[in-house]
Amino acid sequence: MFGKTFTVADPYLFQLARGAAELGFQLPEPLRDYIARIEERPDVQAALRREGLA
C-alpha cells in the first residue's frame, strides 16, 4: 500500500477498490493507478483469469 514491499494489505485494498470501481464509484486518480499497477502483476493476472474476472 505505502511501500515497495507487497504485503497482505495490498490484495485486500486491491479487491475492495477494484470492486468499488466496478460498481461505479468514482475513485481518486492515485487509487486508480494503484489498481492498474497491481493488475500488471503476472500472478494477479493469472488469478483474475482463473476466477473469470479478466
PDB file of N, CA and C in Angstrom:
ATOM      1  N   MET A   1       0.816  -1.193   0.000  1.00  0.00           N
ATOM      2  CA  MET A   1       0.000   0.000   0.000  1.00  0.00           C
ATOM      3  C   MET A   1       0.860   1.258   0.000  1.00  0.00           C
ATOM      4  N   PHE A   2       1.838   1.286   0.916  1.00  0.00           N
ATOM      5  CA  PHE A   2       2.597   2.511   1.078  1.00  0.00           C
ATOM      6  C   PHE A   2       4.087   2.346   0.812  1.00  0.00           C
ATOM      7  N   GLY A   3       4.516   1.159   0.531  1.00  0.00           N
ATOM      8  CA  GLY A   3       5.937   0.937   0.335  1.00  0.00           C
ATOM      9  C   GLY A   3       6.191   0.078  -0.893  1.00  0.00           C
ATOM     10  N   LYS A   4       7.412  -0.338  -1.034  1.00  0.00           N
ATOM     11  CA  LYS A   4       7.788  -1.154  -2.178  1.00  0.00           C
ATOM     12  C   LYS A   4       7.515  -2.633  -1.942  1.00  0.00           C
ATOM     13  N   THR A   5       7.252  -3.019  -0.690  1.00  0.00           N
ATOM     14  CA  THR A   5       7.005  -4.410  -0.347  1.00  0.00           C
ATOM     15  C   THR A   5       5.521  -4.721  -0.469  1.00  0.00           C
ATOM     16  N   PHE A   6       5.193  -5.802  -1.148  1.00  0.00           N
ATOM     17  CA  PHE A   6       3.818  -6.256  -1.299  1.00  0.00           C
ATOM     18  C   PHE A   6       3.436  -7.009  -0.029  1.00  0.00           C
ATOM     19  N   THR A   7       2.426  -6.523   0.693  1.00  0.00           N
ATOM     20  CA  THR A   7       2.021  -7.144   1.952  1.00  0.00           C
ATOM     21  C   THR A   7       0.577  -7.636   1.856  1.00  0.00           C
ATOM     22  N   VAL A   8       0.088  -8.244   2.911  1.00  0.00           N
ATOM     23  CA  VAL A   8      -1.273  -8.769   2.939  1.00  0.00           C
ATOM     24  C   VAL A   8      -2.310  -7.654   2.765  1.00  0.00           C
ATOM     25  N   ALA A   9      -1.974  -6.435   3.112  1.00  0.00           N
ATOM     26  CA  ALA A   9      -2.902  -5.321   2.948  1.00  0.00           C
ATOM     27  C   ALA A   9      -3.136  -4.979   1.475  1.00  0.00           C
ATOM     28  N   ASP A  10      -2.159  -5.236   0.632  1.00  0.00           N
ATOM     29  CA  ASP A  10      -2.272  -4.867  -0.782  1.00  0.00           C
ATOM     30  C   ASP A  10      -3.378  -5.620  -1.522  1.00  0.00           C
ATOM     31  N   PRO A  11      -3.438  -6.943  -1.454  1.00  0.00           N
ATOM     32  CA  PRO A  11      -4.528  -7.610  -2.171  1.00  0.00           C
ATOM     33  C   PRO A  11      -5.904  -7.259  -1.599  1.00  0.00           C
ATOM     34  N   TYR A  12      -5.960  -6.985  -0.302  1.00  0.00           N
ATOM     35  CA  TYR A  12      -7.234  -6.612   0.311  1.00  0.00           C
ATOM     36  C   TYR A  12      -7.701  -5.265  -0.236  1.00  0.00           C
ATOM     37  N   LEU A  13      -6.818  -4.276  -0.245  1.00  0.00           N
ATOM     38  CA  LEU A  13      -7.166  -2.967  -0.802  1.00  0.00           C
ATOM     39  C   LEU A  13      -7.498  -3.088  -2.290  1.00  0.00           C
ATOM     40  N   PHE A  14      -6.718  -3.876  -3.010  1.00  0.00           N
ATOM     41  CA  PHE A  14      -6.964  -4.072  -4.441  1.00  0.00           C
ATOM     42  C   PHE A  14      -8.368  -4.616  -4.675  1.00  0.00           C
ATOM     43  N   GLN A  15      -8.743  -5.634  -3.932  1.00  0.00           N
ATOM     44  CA  GLN A  15     -10.059  -6.253  -4.102  1.00  0.00           C
ATOM     45  C   GLN A  15     -11.178  -5.259  -3.810  1.00  0.00           C
ATOM     46  N   LEU A  16     -11.048  -4.534  -2.713  1.00  0.00           N
ATOM     47  CA  LEU A  16     -12.078  -3.561  -2.351  1.00  0.00           C
ATOM     48  C   LEU A  16     -12.165  -2.424  -3.366  1.00  0.00           C
ATOM     49  N   ALA A  17     -11.030  -1.893  -3.763  1.00  0.00           N
ATOM     50  CA  ALA A  17     -11.015  -0.769  -4.693  1.00  0.00           C
ATOM     51  C   ALA A  17     -11.494  -1.194  -6.087  1.00  0.00           C
ATOM     52  N   ARG A  18     -11.065  -2.357  -6.521  1.00  0.00           N
ATOM     53  CA  ARG A  18     -11.490  -2.847  -7.836  1.00  0.00           C
ATOM     54  C   ARG A  18     -12.996  -3.087  -7.851  1.00  0.00           C
ATOM     55  N   GLY A  19     -13.514  -3.660  -6.785  1.00  0.00           N
ATOM     56  CA  GLY A  19     -14.951  -3.884  -6.682  1.00  0.00           C
ATOM     57  C   GLY A  19     -15.720  -2.577  -6.669  1.00  0.00           C
ATOM     58  N   ALA A  20     -15.210  -1.594  -5.937  1.00  0.00           N
ATOM     59  CA  ALA A  20     -15.873  -0.282  -5.890  1.00  0.00           C
ATOM     60  C   ALA A  20     -15.893   0.351  -7.277  1.00  0.00           C
ATOM     61  N   ALA A  21     -14.781   0.251  -7.998  1.00  0.00           N
ATOM     62  CA  ALA A  21     -14.726   0.810  -9.350  1.00  0.00           C
ATOM     63  C   ALA A  21     -15.728   0.110 -10.262  1.00  0.00           C
ATOM     64  N   GLU A  22     -15.834  -1.200 -10.143  1.00  0.00           N
ATOM     65  CA  GLU A  22     -16.779  -1.948 -10.977  1.00  0.00           C
ATOM     66  C   GLU A  22     -18.225  -1.594 -10.655  1.00  0.00           C
ATOM     67  N   LEU A  23     -18.482  -1.162  -9.420  1.00  0.00           N
ATOM     68  CA  LEU A  23     -19.836  -0.753  -9.023  1.00  0.00           C
ATOM     69  C   LEU A  23     -20.136   0.698  -9.399  1.00  0.00           C
ATOM     70  N   GLY A  24     -19.148   1.381  -9.984  1.00  0.00           N
ATOM     71  CA  GLY A  24     -19.360   2.736 -10.463  1.00  0.00           C
ATOM     72  C   GLY A  24     -18.941   3.844  -9.520  1.00  0.00           C
ATOM     73  N   PHE A  25     -18.275   3.498  -8.409  1.00  0.00           N
ATOM     74  CA  PHE A  25     -17.786   4.538  -7.515  1.00  0.00           C
ATOM     75  C   PHE A  25     -16.657   5.301  -8.184  1.00  0.00           C
ATOM     76  N   GLN A  26     -16.639   6.603  -8.011  1.00  0.00           N
ATOM     77  CA  GLN A  26     -15.572   7.432  -8.546  1.00  0.00           C
ATOM     78  C   GLN A  26     -14.381   7.363  -7.596  1.00  0.00           C
ATOM     79  N   LEU A  27     -13.295   6.791  -8.059  1.00  0.00           N
ATOM     80  CA  LEU A  27     -12.094   6.651  -7.231  1.00  0.00           C
ATOM     81  C   LEU A  27     -11.094   7.741  -7.592  1.00  0.00           C
ATOM     82  N   PRO A  28     -10.336   8.221  -6.622  1.00  0.00           N
ATOM     83  CA  PRO A  28      -9.303   9.217  -6.931  1.00  0.00           C
ATOM     84  C   PRO A  28      -8.216   8.601  -7.810  1.00  0.00           C
ATOM     85  N   GLU A  29      -7.565   9.445  -8.566  1.00  0.00           N
ATOM     86  CA  GLU A  29      -6.536   9.008  -9.518  1.00  0.00           C
ATOM     87  C   GLU A  29      -5.472   8.111  -8.881  1.00  0.00           C
ATOM     88  N   PRO A  30      -4.930   8.449  -7.703  1.00  0.00           N
ATOM     89  CA  PRO A  30      -3.904   7.564  -7.121  1.00  0.00           C
ATOM     90  C   PRO A  30      -4.419   6.138  -6.871  1.00  0.00           C
ATOM     91  N   LEU A  31      -5.678   6.009  -6.499  1.00  0.00           N
ATOM     92  CA  LEU A  31      -6.233   4.677  -6.257  1.00  0.00           C
ATOM     93  C   LEU A  31      -6.448   3.934  -7.573  1.00  0.00           C
ATOM     94  N   ARG A  32      -6.862   4.643  -8.608  1.00  0.00           N
ATOM     95  CA  ARG A  32      -6.988   4.004  -9.934  1.00  0.00           C
ATOM     96  C   ARG A  32      -5.628   3.549 -10.440  1.00  0.00           C
ATOM     97  N   ASP A  33      -4.602   4.371 -10.208  1.00  0.00           N
ATOM     98  CA  ASP A  33      -3.237   3.989 -10.597  1.00  0.00           C
ATOM     99  C   ASP A  33      -2.774   2.767  -9.814  1.00  0.00           C
ATOM    100  N   TYR A  34      -3.116   2.711  -8.539  1.00  0.00           N
ATOM    101  CA  TYR A  34      -2.761   1.576  -7.688  1.00  0.00           C
ATOM    102  C   TYR A  34      -3.377   0.287  -8.252  1.00  0.00           C
ATOM    103  N   ILE A  35      -4.656   0.341  -8.596  1.00  0.00           N
ATOM    104  CA  ILE A  35      -5.333  -0.828  -9.164  1.00  0.00           C
ATOM    105  C   ILE A  35      -4.621  -1.273 -10.435  1.00  0.00           C
ATOM    106  N   ALA A  36      -4.286  -0.327 -11.293  1.00  0.00           N
ATOM    107  CA  ALA A  36      -3.609  -0.656 -12.555  1.00  0.00           C
ATOM    108  C   ALA A  36      -2.253  -1.305 -12.299  1.00  0.00           C
ATOM    109  N   ARG A  37      -1.500  -0.791 -11.322  1.00  0.00           N
ATOM    110  CA  ARG A  37      -0.183  -1.379 -11.008  1.00  0.00           C
ATOM    111  C   ARG A  37      -0.322  -2.802 -10.498  1.00  0.00           C
ATOM    112  N   ILE A  38      -1.301  -3.038  -9.636  1.00  0.00           N
ATOM    113  CA  ILE A  38      -1.494  -4.388  -9.105  1.00  0.00           C
ATOM    114  C   ILE A  38      -1.953  -5.330 -10.213  1.00  0.00           C
ATOM    115  N   GLU A  39      -2.818  -4.852 -11.102  1.00  0.00           N
ATOM    116  CA  GLU A  39      -3.314  -5.692 -12.195  1.00  0.00           C
ATOM    117  C   GLU A  39      -2.208  -6.100 -13.160  1.00  0.00           C
ATOM    118  N   GLU A  40      -1.096  -5.359 -13.192  1.00  0.00           N
ATOM    119  CA  GLU A  40       0.027  -5.696 -14.066  1.00  0.00           C
ATOM    120  C   GLU A  40       0.818  -6.900 -13.561  1.00  0.00           C
ATOM    121  N   ARG A  41       0.680  -7.241 -12.304  1.00  0.00           N
ATOM    122  CA  ARG A  41       1.445  -8.357 -11.722  1.00  0.00           C
ATOM    123  C   ARG A  41       0.984  -9.670 -12.364  1.00  0.00           C
ATOM    124  N   PRO A  42       1.925 -10.481 -12.850  1.00  0.00           N
ATOM    125  CA  PRO A  42       1.564 -11.736 -13.523  1.00  0.00           C
ATOM    126  C   PRO A  42       0.698 -12.658 -12.669  1.00  0.00           C
ATOM    127  N   ASP A  43       0.984 -12.760 -11.386  1.00  0.00           N
ATOM    128  CA  ASP A  43       0.179 -13.634 -10.530  1.00  0.00           C
ATOM    129  C   ASP A  43      -1.245 -13.116 -10.377  1.00  0.00           C
ATOM    130  N   VAL A  44      -1.400 -11.808 -10.352  1.00  0.00           N
ATOM    131  CA  VAL A  44      -2.736 -11.222 -10.256  1.00  0.00           C
ATOM    132  C   VAL A  44      -3.501 -11.479 -11.558  1.00  0.00           C
ATOM    133  N   GLN A  45      -2.847 -11.308 -12.681  1.00  0.00           N
ATOM    134  CA  GLN A  45      -3.480 -11.583 -13.966  1.00  0.00           C
ATOM    135  C   GLN A  45      -3.950 -13.038 -14.034  1.00  0.00           C
ATOM    136  N   ALA A  46      -3.101 -13.952 -13.595  1.00  0.00           N
ATOM    137  CA  ALA A  46      -3.457 -15.370 -13.610  1.00  0.00           C
ATOM    138  C   ALA A  46      -4.654 -15.649 -12.689  1.00  0.00           C
ATOM    139  N   ALA A  47      -4.656 -15.043 -11.511  1.00  0.00           N
ATOM    140  CA  ALA A  47      -5.765 -15.244 -10.576  1.00  0.00           C
ATOM    141  C   ALA A  47      -7.066 -14.674 -11.135  1.00  0.00           C
ATOM    142  N   LEU A  48      -7.003 -13.501 -11.743  1.00  0.00           N
ATOM    143  CA  LEU A  48      -8.205 -12.897 -12.324  1.00  0.00           C
ATOM    144  C   LEU A  48      -8.743 -13.769 -13.466  1.00  0.00           C
ATOM    145  N   ARG A  49      -7.852 -14.300 -14.267  1.00  0.00           N
ATOM    146  CA  ARG A  49      -8.291 -15.192 -15.350  1.00  0.00           C
ATOM    147  C   ARG A  49      -8.930 -16.458 -14.785  1.00  0.00           C
ATOM    148  N   ARG A  50      -8.296 -17.034 -13.780  1.00  0.00           N
ATOM    149  CA  ARG A  50      -8.813 -18.251 -13.145  1.00  0.00           C
ATOM    150  C   ARG A  50     -10.209 -18.038 -12.571  1.00  0.00           C
ATOM    151  N   GLU A  51     -10.461 -16.862 -12.035  1.00  0.00           N
ATOM    152  CA  GLU A  51     -11.744 -16.562 -11.418  1.00  0.00           C
ATOM    153  C   GLU A  51     -12.753 -15.987 -12.424  1.00  0.00           C
ATOM    154  N   GLY A  52     -12.337 -15.856 -13.684  1.00  0.00           N
ATOM    155  CA  GLY A  52     -13.233 -15.330 -14.704  1.00  0.00           C
ATOM    156  C   GLY A  52     -13.469 -13.823 -14.584  1.00  0.00           C
ATOM    157  N   LEU A  53     -12.511 -13.119 -14.011  1.00  0.00           N
ATOM    158  CA  LEU A  53     -12.654 -11.678 -13.800  1.00  0.00           C
ATOM    159  C   LEU A  53     -11.812 -10.843 -14.755  1.00  0.00           C
ATOM    160  N   ALA A  54     -11.089 -11.484 -15.635  1.00  0.00           N
ATOM    161  CA  ALA A  54     -10.228 -10.750 -16.559  1.00  0.00           C
ATOM    162  C   ALA A  54     -10.695 -10.943 -17.985  1.00  0.00           C
TER     163      ALA A  54
END
